Protein backbone atom coordinates (compact mmCIF):
# COMPACT_ATOMS: atom_id res chain seq x y z
CA MET A 1 0.04 0.05 0.04
CA SER A 2 1.51 3.42 -1.05
CA ARG A 3 1.65 6.26 1.46
CA PRO A 4 -1.48 8.39 1.42
CA PHE A 5 -1.58 12.34 1.07
CA THR A 6 -1.92 13.77 4.46
CA SER A 7 -3.51 16.99 5.76
CA HIS A 8 -3.67 19.05 2.51
CA MET A 9 -5.85 16.33 1.00
CA SER A 10 -8.27 15.64 3.73
CA LEU A 11 -11.98 15.73 3.40
CA PRO A 12 -13.81 19.03 3.71
CA ASN A 13 -14.89 19.39 7.23
CA PRO A 14 -17.66 21.74 8.39
CA ALA A 15 -15.64 22.37 11.70
CA TRP A 16 -13.32 24.51 9.56
CA GLY A 17 -15.81 27.16 9.39
CA PHE A 18 -16.36 29.48 6.33
CA ALA A 19 -14.65 32.62 4.87
CA ARG A 20 -15.82 35.59 2.81
CA VAL A 21 -13.65 36.89 0.02
CA VAL A 22 -13.34 40.62 -1.21
CA VAL A 23 -12.05 41.09 -4.69
CA ARG A 24 -11.21 44.58 -5.83
CA GLY A 25 -13.30 46.02 -2.96
CA ALA A 26 -16.33 44.15 -3.88
CA LEU A 27 -17.60 41.35 -1.42
CA ILE A 28 -18.41 38.19 -3.20
CA ALA A 29 -21.73 36.90 -1.94
CA GLY A 30 -21.76 33.45 -0.44
CA PHE A 31 -19.18 31.46 1.20
CA VAL A 32 -16.05 29.67 0.20
CA CYS A 33 -14.45 26.76 1.88
CA ALA A 34 -11.89 28.06 4.51
CA ILE A 35 -8.34 26.66 4.02
CA ALA A 36 -6.00 26.56 6.85
CA PRO A 37 -2.78 27.75 5.13
CA ALA A 38 -0.25 25.66 7.17
CA LEU A 39 -2.49 22.37 6.91
CA LEU A 40 -3.72 22.75 3.35
CA ALA A 41 -0.80 24.13 1.45
CA GLN A 42 -0.26 22.50 -1.90
CA ASN A 43 2.26 19.65 -1.99
CA ALA A 44 5.38 20.98 -0.60
CA ASP A 45 7.52 18.39 -2.53
CA LEU A 46 6.33 19.45 -6.01
CA LYS A 47 9.01 20.33 -8.45
CA ARG A 48 8.47 22.15 -11.63
CA ALA A 49 10.26 20.93 -14.81
CA PRO A 50 11.68 23.68 -17.16
CA GLY A 51 9.50 24.36 -20.13
CA ASP A 52 6.67 22.31 -18.84
CA GLY A 53 3.96 25.13 -19.15
CA ASP A 54 1.61 24.72 -16.26
CA ILE A 55 2.02 21.07 -15.54
CA PRO A 56 4.35 20.50 -12.62
CA VAL A 57 6.00 17.35 -11.65
CA PHE A 58 4.98 15.89 -8.25
CA THR A 59 6.81 13.50 -6.05
CA ASP A 60 4.12 12.39 -3.66
CA THR A 61 1.87 9.22 -4.06
CA TYR A 62 -1.89 8.34 -3.42
CA ALA A 63 -3.22 5.61 -1.19
CA GLY A 64 -3.92 2.52 -3.15
CA SER A 65 -7.57 2.84 -2.50
CA GLU A 66 -7.71 5.85 -4.84
CA PHE A 67 -7.65 3.77 -7.92
CA CYS A 68 -10.65 1.43 -7.78
CA ALA A 69 -14.17 2.70 -7.01
CA ASP A 70 -15.01 0.09 -4.42
CA GLY A 71 -11.71 0.74 -2.50
CA SER A 72 -10.87 -2.85 -2.74
CA GLY A 73 -7.48 -2.70 -4.50
CA ASP A 74 -4.58 -0.74 -5.30
CA ALA A 75 -4.87 -0.42 -9.09
CA PRO A 76 -7.45 0.77 -11.76
CA CYS A 77 -10.29 -1.58 -12.15
CA ALA A 78 -13.60 -2.24 -13.89
CA VAL A 79 -15.76 -0.84 -11.00
CA ALA A 80 -17.34 2.28 -12.17
CA PRO A 81 -17.84 5.00 -9.48
CA VAL A 82 -21.51 5.91 -8.96
CA ASP A 83 -21.14 9.04 -6.65
CA VAL A 84 -18.68 11.40 -5.01
CA PRO A 85 -19.23 10.74 -1.32
CA GLU A 86 -17.05 13.56 0.14
CA PHE A 87 -19.24 16.28 -1.26
CA ASP A 88 -20.83 18.34 1.47
CA ALA A 89 -23.97 20.00 0.15
CA SER A 90 -24.03 22.47 3.19
CA PHE A 91 -20.86 24.15 1.68
CA VAL A 92 -21.14 26.74 -1.03
CA TYR A 93 -18.04 26.45 -3.25
CA ARG A 94 -17.33 29.69 -5.13
CA PHE A 95 -13.64 28.87 -6.27
CA LEU A 96 -11.83 25.86 -7.30
CA ALA A 97 -10.29 24.83 -3.84
CA TYR A 98 -7.33 22.44 -3.91
CA HIS A 99 -8.85 19.90 -1.40
CA ALA A 100 -12.46 20.22 -2.73
CA GLN A 101 -11.59 19.29 -6.37
CA ARG A 102 -9.66 16.15 -5.62
CA PRO A 103 -12.61 13.81 -4.99
CA PHE A 104 -14.12 14.96 -8.37
CA ASP A 105 -10.99 14.46 -10.29
CA ARG A 106 -10.59 11.09 -8.61
CA PHE A 107 -14.14 10.10 -9.73
CA SER A 108 -13.19 11.16 -13.36
CA TRP A 109 -10.17 9.06 -13.52
CA GLN A 110 -11.89 6.11 -11.91
CA ALA A 111 -14.76 6.44 -14.44
CA PHE A 112 -12.38 6.82 -17.39
CA THR A 113 -10.35 3.70 -16.60
CA SER A 114 -13.50 1.55 -15.85
CA LEU A 115 -14.68 2.35 -19.27
CA MET A 116 -11.51 1.29 -20.82
CA VAL A 117 -11.22 -2.20 -19.33
CA PRO A 118 -9.65 -4.57 -19.94
CA LEU A 119 -6.75 -2.45 -19.38
CA ASP A 120 -4.11 -5.06 -20.11
CA GLN A 121 -5.70 -5.99 -23.47
CA PRO A 122 -6.11 -2.67 -25.37
CA ASP A 123 -6.94 -4.48 -28.56
CA GLN A 124 -9.92 -6.24 -27.06
CA LYS A 125 -13.32 -4.70 -26.97
CA ALA A 126 -13.60 -2.13 -24.13
CA HIS A 127 -16.60 -1.60 -21.92
CA TRP A 128 -17.72 1.52 -23.64
CA GLU A 129 -17.89 -0.26 -26.86
CA THR A 130 -21.04 -2.19 -25.43
CA PHE A 131 -22.96 1.14 -25.15
CA PRO A 132 -25.31 2.14 -28.06
CA THR A 133 -24.24 4.92 -30.17
CA ARG A 134 -26.48 8.07 -30.83
CA ARG A 135 -27.17 6.55 -34.42
CA ASP A 136 -28.16 3.29 -32.84
CA LEU A 137 -30.67 4.94 -30.52
CA PHE A 138 -32.23 7.59 -32.66
CA ASP A 139 -33.54 6.28 -36.06
CA GLU A 140 -33.75 9.80 -37.52
CA VAL A 141 -29.93 10.23 -37.24
CA THR A 142 -29.10 8.14 -40.25
CA TYR A 143 -25.76 7.24 -41.77
CA PRO A 144 -24.79 9.28 -44.98
CA ASN A 145 -24.02 5.93 -46.69
CA PRO A 146 -26.29 3.26 -45.01
CA ALA A 147 -24.54 0.53 -47.01
CA CYS A 148 -21.51 0.80 -44.66
CA LYS A 149 -23.46 -0.92 -42.02
CA ASP A 150 -23.59 -3.98 -44.14
CA ASP A 151 -20.84 -6.61 -43.24
CA LEU A 152 -19.21 -4.34 -40.77
CA PRO A 153 -16.47 -6.37 -39.13
CA ASP A 154 -16.80 -6.98 -35.48
CA GLY A 155 -14.82 -4.56 -33.35
CA THR A 156 -14.82 -1.99 -36.13
CA LEU A 157 -16.26 1.62 -35.38
CA LEU A 158 -18.68 2.98 -37.87
CA LEU A 159 -18.04 6.76 -37.84
CA ALA A 160 -19.83 9.54 -39.70
CA SER A 161 -19.83 12.86 -37.79
CA TYR A 162 -17.06 15.28 -38.41
CA LEU A 163 -18.65 18.58 -37.50
CA GLN A 164 -18.14 20.17 -34.04
CA SER A 165 -20.99 21.74 -32.11
CA THR A 166 -19.99 25.04 -33.59
CA GLY A 167 -20.41 23.57 -37.22
CA ASP A 168 -16.63 23.76 -37.90
CA VAL A 169 -14.35 20.85 -38.91
CA LEU A 170 -11.05 20.04 -37.28
CA ILE A 171 -8.17 18.60 -39.34
CA ASP A 172 -4.77 17.51 -37.73
CA GLN A 173 -1.33 18.52 -39.05
CA ALA A 174 -1.42 15.42 -41.38
CA GLY A 175 -4.38 16.77 -43.15
CA ASN A 176 -6.93 14.44 -41.82
CA PHE A 177 -10.45 15.06 -40.39
CA VAL A 178 -11.24 14.35 -36.80
CA LEU A 179 -14.35 12.35 -36.29
CA PHE A 180 -16.86 12.36 -33.34
CA GLU A 181 -19.05 9.62 -31.74
CA THR A 182 -21.66 9.83 -29.04
CA ARG A 183 -22.44 6.85 -26.75
CA ILE A 184 -24.98 6.43 -24.16
CA ASN A 185 -24.72 3.93 -21.23
CA PRO A 186 -27.56 1.30 -20.71
CA VAL A 187 -29.09 3.46 -17.73
CA ALA A 188 -29.51 6.48 -19.96
CA ALA A 189 -30.50 4.40 -22.96
CA ASN A 190 -33.08 2.58 -21.04
CA TYR A 191 -34.60 5.83 -19.67
CA ILE A 192 -34.75 7.28 -23.26
CA THR A 193 -36.57 4.11 -24.66
CA ALA A 194 -38.81 3.64 -21.66
CA ASN A 195 -40.23 7.10 -22.22
CA THR A 196 -40.16 6.98 -26.05
CA LEU A 197 -37.80 9.88 -26.14
CA GLN A 198 -36.03 8.14 -29.05
CA THR A 199 -38.63 9.51 -31.47
CA GLY A 200 -39.84 12.88 -32.49
CA PRO A 201 -43.54 12.03 -31.77
CA GLY A 202 -42.49 10.37 -28.49
CA ARG A 203 -40.60 13.57 -27.45
CA ALA A 204 -43.47 15.82 -28.35
CA ALA A 205 -45.90 13.65 -26.31
CA PHE A 206 -43.59 13.58 -23.37
CA ALA A 207 -43.39 17.39 -23.47
CA LYS A 208 -47.15 17.71 -23.65
CA SER A 209 -47.53 15.30 -20.57
CA GLY A 210 -46.03 17.89 -18.25
CA GLN A 211 -43.42 15.51 -17.14
CA ALA A 212 -39.82 16.79 -16.73
CA ILE A 213 -36.99 15.05 -18.45
CA ASP A 214 -35.11 13.58 -15.43
CA PHE A 215 -32.43 11.11 -16.20
CA PRO A 216 -31.61 8.50 -13.42
CA THR A 217 -29.15 9.70 -10.73
CA GLY A 218 -26.33 7.52 -9.43
CA HIS A 219 -26.13 7.15 -5.72
CA LEU A 220 -24.29 5.20 -2.96
CA ASP A 221 -26.06 2.38 -0.93
CA PRO A 222 -27.61 4.16 2.10
CA GLU A 223 -25.42 2.24 4.58
CA MET A 224 -22.22 3.45 2.87
CA ALA A 225 -23.53 6.97 2.51
CA ASP A 226 -24.18 7.22 6.19
CA ALA A 227 -20.60 5.80 6.89
CA VAL A 228 -18.92 8.29 4.77
CA LYS A 229 -20.81 11.21 6.47
CA LEU A 230 -19.99 9.90 9.86
CA ALA A 231 -16.25 9.57 8.93
CA SER A 232 -16.19 13.10 7.47
CA ALA A 233 -17.87 14.63 10.42
CA ASN A 234 -15.61 13.16 12.92
CA ALA A 235 -12.39 13.70 10.99
CA ALA A 236 -9.74 16.16 12.10
CA PRO A 237 -8.63 18.68 9.34
CA ASN A 238 -5.15 17.09 9.31
CA ALA A 239 -5.99 13.50 9.60
CA ASP A 240 -4.90 10.77 7.34
CA LEU A 241 -8.24 9.31 5.98
CA VAL A 242 -9.22 6.17 4.10
CA ILE A 243 -10.55 7.23 0.82
CA PRO A 244 -14.22 6.41 0.92
CA ALA A 245 -15.48 4.09 -1.82
CA ALA A 246 -17.84 5.56 -4.68
CA ALA A 247 -19.37 2.22 -5.11
CA PRO A 248 -21.36 0.05 -4.53
CA GLY A 249 -24.48 1.78 -5.31
CA GLU A 250 -26.76 2.43 -8.24
CA MET A 251 -25.26 3.72 -11.49
CA GLY A 252 -26.72 6.85 -13.03
CA ALA A 253 -26.96 7.95 -16.64
CA GLN A 254 -23.69 8.34 -18.36
CA LEU A 255 -23.09 10.16 -21.70
CA LEU A 256 -19.73 9.87 -23.75
CA LYS A 257 -18.48 11.89 -26.53
CA PHE A 258 -15.29 10.69 -28.34
CA ALA A 259 -12.91 12.50 -30.78
CA TRP A 260 -11.00 10.33 -33.14
CA ARG A 261 -7.91 11.16 -35.18
CA ILE A 262 -7.33 9.17 -38.37
CA LEU A 263 -3.95 7.81 -37.91
CA PRO A 264 -1.26 7.91 -40.72
CA ASN A 265 -0.06 4.62 -42.05
CA ASP A 266 3.03 4.80 -39.89
CA VAL A 267 3.34 2.14 -37.37
CA ALA A 268 5.71 4.20 -35.23
CA THR A 269 3.00 6.93 -34.85
CA GLN A 270 0.44 4.49 -33.39
CA ASN A 271 2.88 2.37 -31.36
CA ASP A 272 1.84 2.60 -27.78
CA ARG A 273 0.56 6.22 -27.96
CA TYR A 274 -3.19 5.98 -28.75
CA VAL A 275 -6.16 3.98 -27.85
CA THR A 276 -6.90 2.76 -31.43
CA ARG A 277 -9.67 1.10 -33.33
CA PRO A 278 -10.28 -0.01 -36.84
CA ALA A 279 -12.89 2.13 -38.32
CA TRP A 280 -15.26 2.48 -41.38
CA ILE A 281 -16.25 6.01 -42.31
CA SER A 282 -19.65 6.45 -43.89
CA LEU A 283 -19.79 9.17 -46.46
CA GLY A 284 -22.43 10.41 -48.76
CA GLY A 285 -21.83 11.57 -52.29
CA ASP A 286 -22.23 15.21 -51.27
CA GLN A 287 -19.26 14.87 -48.94
CA THR A 288 -16.73 13.55 -51.34
CA LEU A 289 -14.48 15.01 -54.00
CA ASP A 290 -15.85 12.79 -56.77
CA GLY A 291 -19.53 12.87 -55.66
CA GLN A 292 -19.56 9.07 -54.92
CA ALA A 293 -20.77 7.58 -51.56
CA LYS A 294 -17.86 5.85 -49.82
CA CYS A 295 -17.01 3.54 -47.03
CA LEU A 296 -13.45 4.36 -46.04
CA ASP A 297 -11.25 1.83 -44.13
CA VAL A 298 -9.05 3.52 -41.63
CA THR A 299 -7.45 3.14 -38.23
CA VAL A 300 -8.29 5.83 -35.69
CA GLY A 301 -6.76 6.86 -32.52
CA LEU A 302 -8.56 8.53 -29.45
CA VAL A 303 -7.71 12.07 -29.01
CA GLY A 304 -10.40 13.56 -26.93
CA MET A 305 -13.40 12.45 -24.74
CA HIS A 306 -16.20 14.02 -22.67
CA LEU A 307 -17.38 11.79 -19.89
CA VAL A 308 -20.58 13.12 -18.33
CA GLN A 309 -22.44 11.30 -15.57
CA ARG A 310 -25.39 12.14 -13.28
CA VAL A 311 -24.83 11.56 -9.52
CA ALA A 312 -26.57 12.48 -6.28
CA SER A 313 -23.75 14.48 -4.90
CA GLY A 314 -22.14 17.65 -6.41
CA ASN A 315 -25.58 19.03 -6.92
CA GLY A 316 -25.80 16.11 -9.35
CA ASP A 317 -29.14 17.12 -10.74
CA ARG A 318 -26.83 19.00 -13.04
CA TRP A 319 -24.33 16.26 -13.73
CA ILE A 320 -20.53 15.98 -13.47
CA TRP A 321 -18.53 16.70 -16.40
CA ALA A 322 -15.06 15.35 -17.24
CA SER A 323 -12.91 15.97 -20.10
CA PHE A 324 -9.78 14.01 -21.22
CA GLU A 325 -7.27 14.59 -24.09
CA HIS A 326 -4.23 12.89 -25.52
CA VAL A 327 -1.01 14.54 -24.19
CA ASP A 328 0.18 14.97 -27.74
CA ASN A 329 -2.68 17.14 -28.86
CA VAL A 330 -1.62 20.73 -28.40
CA PRO A 331 0.59 23.07 -26.58
CA LEU A 332 -0.49 25.64 -24.04
CA ALA A 333 -1.42 29.03 -25.33
CA ALA A 334 1.01 31.77 -24.74
CA ASN A 335 -1.63 33.71 -22.77
CA ALA A 336 -3.46 30.73 -21.16
CA ARG A 337 -5.45 31.53 -18.08
CA ARG A 338 -6.48 29.75 -15.01
CA PRO A 339 -9.91 27.99 -15.02
CA ASN A 340 -11.42 30.43 -12.44
CA SER A 341 -10.65 33.57 -14.30
CA ILE A 342 -14.01 35.10 -13.40
CA ILE A 343 -13.09 38.80 -12.78
CA THR A 344 -12.18 39.71 -16.27
CA LYS A 345 -15.26 39.84 -18.64
CA GLU A 346 -13.18 39.10 -21.61
CA PRO A 347 -10.52 36.55 -20.60
CA PHE A 348 -9.03 36.43 -24.16
CA GLU A 349 -9.83 39.80 -25.65
CA ASN A 350 -7.20 39.18 -28.37
CA GLY A 351 -7.87 35.41 -28.74
CA CYS A 352 -5.71 32.47 -27.67
CA LEU A 353 -2.24 33.25 -28.76
CA ALA A 354 0.29 31.02 -30.29
CA PRO A 355 3.47 30.04 -28.28
CA GLY A 356 5.62 29.97 -31.40
CA ALA A 357 8.10 27.21 -31.68
CA VAL A 358 7.62 24.20 -29.62
CA ASP A 359 10.01 21.41 -28.63
CA GLN A 360 7.80 18.41 -29.54
CA ALA A 361 5.43 17.37 -32.31
CA TYR A 362 1.77 17.98 -31.70
CA ALA A 363 -1.14 16.51 -33.65
CA PHE A 364 -2.98 19.75 -33.95
CA TYR A 365 -0.24 22.43 -33.81
CA GLY A 366 2.41 22.97 -36.36
CA GLY A 367 3.85 26.25 -35.35
CA LYS A 368 2.71 28.00 -38.52
CA THR A 369 1.17 30.76 -36.56
CA ALA A 370 3.49 33.55 -35.49
CA SER A 371 4.24 33.78 -31.79
CA GLY A 372 1.81 35.94 -30.11
CA SER A 373 -0.72 35.84 -32.88
CA PRO A 374 -4.14 34.32 -32.40
CA ALA A 375 -4.27 30.58 -32.94
CA ASN A 376 -7.51 28.45 -33.18
CA GLN A 377 -8.68 29.98 -36.36
CA PRO A 378 -11.44 27.79 -38.11
CA ILE A 379 -11.20 26.88 -41.70
CA SER A 380 -13.47 29.04 -43.75
CA ASP A 381 -13.45 26.96 -46.95
CA ALA A 382 -15.70 24.00 -47.59
CA LEU A 383 -13.82 20.81 -47.41
CA LYS A 384 -14.48 17.45 -49.07
CA TRP A 385 -13.17 13.92 -48.52
CA ALA A 386 -10.62 12.30 -50.82
CA ASP A 387 -10.32 8.61 -51.31
CA ASP A 388 -6.73 8.62 -49.83
CA ALA A 389 -4.85 10.49 -47.10
CA PRO A 390 -4.65 13.29 -46.58
CA TYR A 391 -8.35 13.07 -46.62
CA ALA A 392 -9.31 16.76 -46.09
CA ARG A 393 -9.16 18.55 -49.41
CA LEU A 394 -10.43 21.87 -50.81
CA SER A 395 -13.02 21.59 -53.63
CA SER A 396 -10.21 21.97 -56.08
CA GLY A 397 -8.56 18.80 -54.68
CA GLU A 398 -5.77 20.78 -53.08
CA ILE A 399 -4.67 20.17 -49.41
CA PRO A 400 -5.77 22.93 -46.99
CA THR A 401 -3.48 24.53 -44.45
CA SER A 402 -4.09 22.84 -41.03
CA PRO A 403 -5.14 25.17 -38.22
CA ASP A 404 -2.86 25.69 -35.24
CA ILE A 405 -4.83 24.76 -32.18
CA VAL A 406 -3.59 25.59 -28.68
CA ARG A 407 -5.16 24.90 -25.16
CA CYS A 408 -6.50 28.06 -23.73
CA TRP A 409 -7.13 27.10 -20.26
CA ARG A 410 -4.42 25.87 -17.84
CA LEU A 411 -4.84 22.75 -15.67
CA PHE A 412 -5.86 23.38 -12.04
CA SER A 413 -2.75 22.45 -10.05
CA GLY A 414 -4.69 19.77 -8.19
CA THR A 415 -5.79 18.26 -11.48
CA ALA A 416 -2.19 18.24 -12.71
CA GLU A 417 -1.26 16.44 -9.56
CA SER A 418 -4.00 13.90 -10.09
CA ASN A 419 -2.82 13.38 -13.69
CA PHE A 420 0.77 12.76 -12.46
CA VAL A 421 -0.28 10.11 -9.92
CA TRP A 422 -2.77 8.30 -12.37
CA GLN A 423 -0.34 8.34 -15.30
CA SER A 424 2.28 7.04 -13.03
CA LYS A 425 -0.09 4.26 -11.88
CA LEU A 426 -0.86 3.46 -15.56
CA SER A 427 2.62 3.37 -16.56
CA GLY A 428 3.21 0.83 -19.33
CA SER A 429 -0.39 1.11 -20.46
CA VAL A 430 -1.52 3.34 -23.46
CA LEU A 431 -3.90 5.17 -21.11
CA ALA A 432 -0.92 6.97 -19.42
CA ASN A 433 -0.79 9.05 -22.64
CA TYR A 434 -4.07 10.70 -21.70
CA MET A 435 -4.70 13.57 -19.23
CA LEU A 436 -7.62 14.84 -17.40
CA LEU A 437 -8.31 18.61 -18.43
CA GLY A 438 -10.75 19.04 -15.67
CA THR A 439 -13.93 17.89 -13.87
CA GLN A 440 -16.78 20.36 -13.75
CA TRP A 441 -19.53 20.09 -11.08
CA ILE A 442 -22.05 22.41 -9.61
CA GLY A 443 -20.89 23.93 -6.37
CA ASN A 444 -22.92 27.07 -5.89
CA PRO A 445 -26.13 28.70 -7.04
CA GLY A 446 -24.44 30.55 -9.80
CA GLY A 447 -25.26 34.09 -10.91
CA ALA A 448 -22.71 36.64 -12.45
CA PRO A 449 -19.88 36.18 -12.56
CA PHE A 450 -20.30 32.47 -11.51
CA GLY A 451 -22.30 31.16 -14.54
CA VAL A 452 -24.67 28.47 -13.53
CA GLY A 453 -22.52 27.58 -10.52
CA GLU A 454 -20.05 25.29 -12.32
CA VAL A 455 -16.72 24.75 -10.63
CA PRO A 456 -14.24 25.26 -12.18
CA ARG A 457 -15.87 28.13 -14.01
CA PHE A 458 -14.45 27.28 -17.51
CA LEU A 459 -13.62 23.84 -19.04
CA THR A 460 -13.20 23.09 -22.87
CA ASN A 461 -11.49 20.46 -24.92
CA SER A 462 -9.18 21.34 -27.74
CA THR A 463 -10.47 18.49 -30.07
CA LEU A 464 -14.16 18.91 -29.16
CA GLU A 465 -14.39 22.67 -28.87
CA SER A 466 -11.30 23.78 -30.75
CA PHE A 467 -12.50 27.19 -31.89
CA MET A 468 -14.67 28.47 -29.07
CA GLN A 469 -12.15 28.03 -26.16
CA ASP A 470 -11.85 31.93 -25.88
CA GLN A 471 -15.55 32.59 -25.75
CA ASP A 472 -17.53 33.71 -22.72
CA ASP A 473 -19.52 30.39 -22.79
CA ALA A 474 -16.43 28.26 -22.86
CA THR A 475 -18.00 26.06 -20.11
CA CYS A 476 -19.37 22.63 -20.76
CA LEU A 477 -22.10 22.56 -17.94
CA GLY A 478 -22.88 26.27 -18.65
CA CYS A 479 -23.50 25.59 -22.31
CA HIS A 480 -25.58 22.42 -21.71
CA ALA A 481 -27.73 24.20 -19.08
CA ARG A 482 -29.51 25.61 -22.06
CA ALA A 483 -30.11 22.25 -23.74
CA THR A 484 -33.67 21.56 -24.98
CA SER A 485 -35.36 18.84 -26.82
CA ASP A 486 -36.65 19.34 -30.38
CA ALA A 487 -40.08 19.66 -28.65
CA GLY A 488 -38.71 22.79 -26.72
CA GLN A 489 -38.60 21.07 -23.48
CA ILE A 490 -35.57 21.54 -21.06
CA SER A 491 -33.72 18.40 -21.49
CA ASN A 492 -31.68 17.97 -18.34
CA PHE A 493 -28.23 19.22 -19.74
CA THR A 494 -28.21 17.04 -22.82
CA PHE A 495 -28.64 17.93 -26.58
CA LEU A 496 -29.24 14.26 -27.33
CA LEU A 497 -32.99 14.88 -27.48
CA ASP A 498 -32.61 17.25 -30.21
CA PRO A 499 -31.21 14.85 -32.81
CA GLY A 500 -31.37 17.27 -35.73
CA SER A 501 -29.23 19.89 -34.09
């Protein structure tokens, strides 16, 4: 068993009291968790590597019970977390506190690795592949070339979507499109079908019925929940605590969105760097250079993922949102900001700026943008699919210039620490090449400048929201709070129920 973190990682304890914060002479309404400076200082052993941007190197370790959601082992496992037991609903979290965020980031890593099992057999079908896709569930979301479904080999993904939520396309530095896929866990899928929400008439009838769209909520078994509360209430602020298990219990709705990069035909590029899958790409005649429908046969690598789950804690009626990326995606912007930059109305008045030359190869940054100039510029030309790589082409057949993408938001230091520990634990696994960008949860009632109450205030993914990272609504939960079904009904933080959008 490895040595656990001590005082600065203890559970929030109501005995600590509360504090009010004054910013530029204005009192911020509400409370924040009081942090005893001596006890809750950030890891005193951390060391910063030169040129690492905002990702420090840490030397401490976590207790083995961190890594499996039922607390039964000392390694990542197949057990999915169902809740965040440390959350204290009596607190109002206004800022991203070091000790408060850790349980949520742990939840994200546990959920991510449990979806990827079997971890020691990356070529085998993973747990997430048993989930239906959006196109499986909603008949009106058809494939551009339906013939691609015929004779699809087992274990091969069938992909078709390559537009981001903004309507933009993303191509990597090799000139290939990024493709997107949405999957729904059985809990969420069963809720949708049980209420006939998978059809337009069904959604209209449900809206007319007056019922609210209310996806199932994950929660701990009552006995375990009581035990966690008791342990938290009796704990001293500087105590070494056993990490409470986030299972067993009832699993809630879970929604996944993947971003896949088409890998070049270069074994060295794929070797031990990506979660890879064989894939067929369904293309209609209006999407291809020659006007012919196609089924392209490619290998794809995972470059981004949103993992969204509904839980009882963390004001879970509004979900917990985790976002992961491959470590080789993009560099940090020259003017990157911290995820709680809530004082400035325009965090990126001049856009997210390119850092210039970088010391490694990135999938989505080539250093073509002058240092200090705005990166993340969308491609304005209409693009078509070619038969061979590079697949993204102008209508003339010429290869477009790939955009330089940067990451606008820094990692919270506690999240960087969580990444270091989990990546170290996953050493030797391809999953060690992925990092958690952040875990967003609802910690306060919201209102200007606190959005809908999301903590941290901002969260984006460079492969899923490449071109909107600098916008005021660069916040996953904040954006999805506006989601409605195509019947005009508030849809519980998901756009799934508006399939045509």
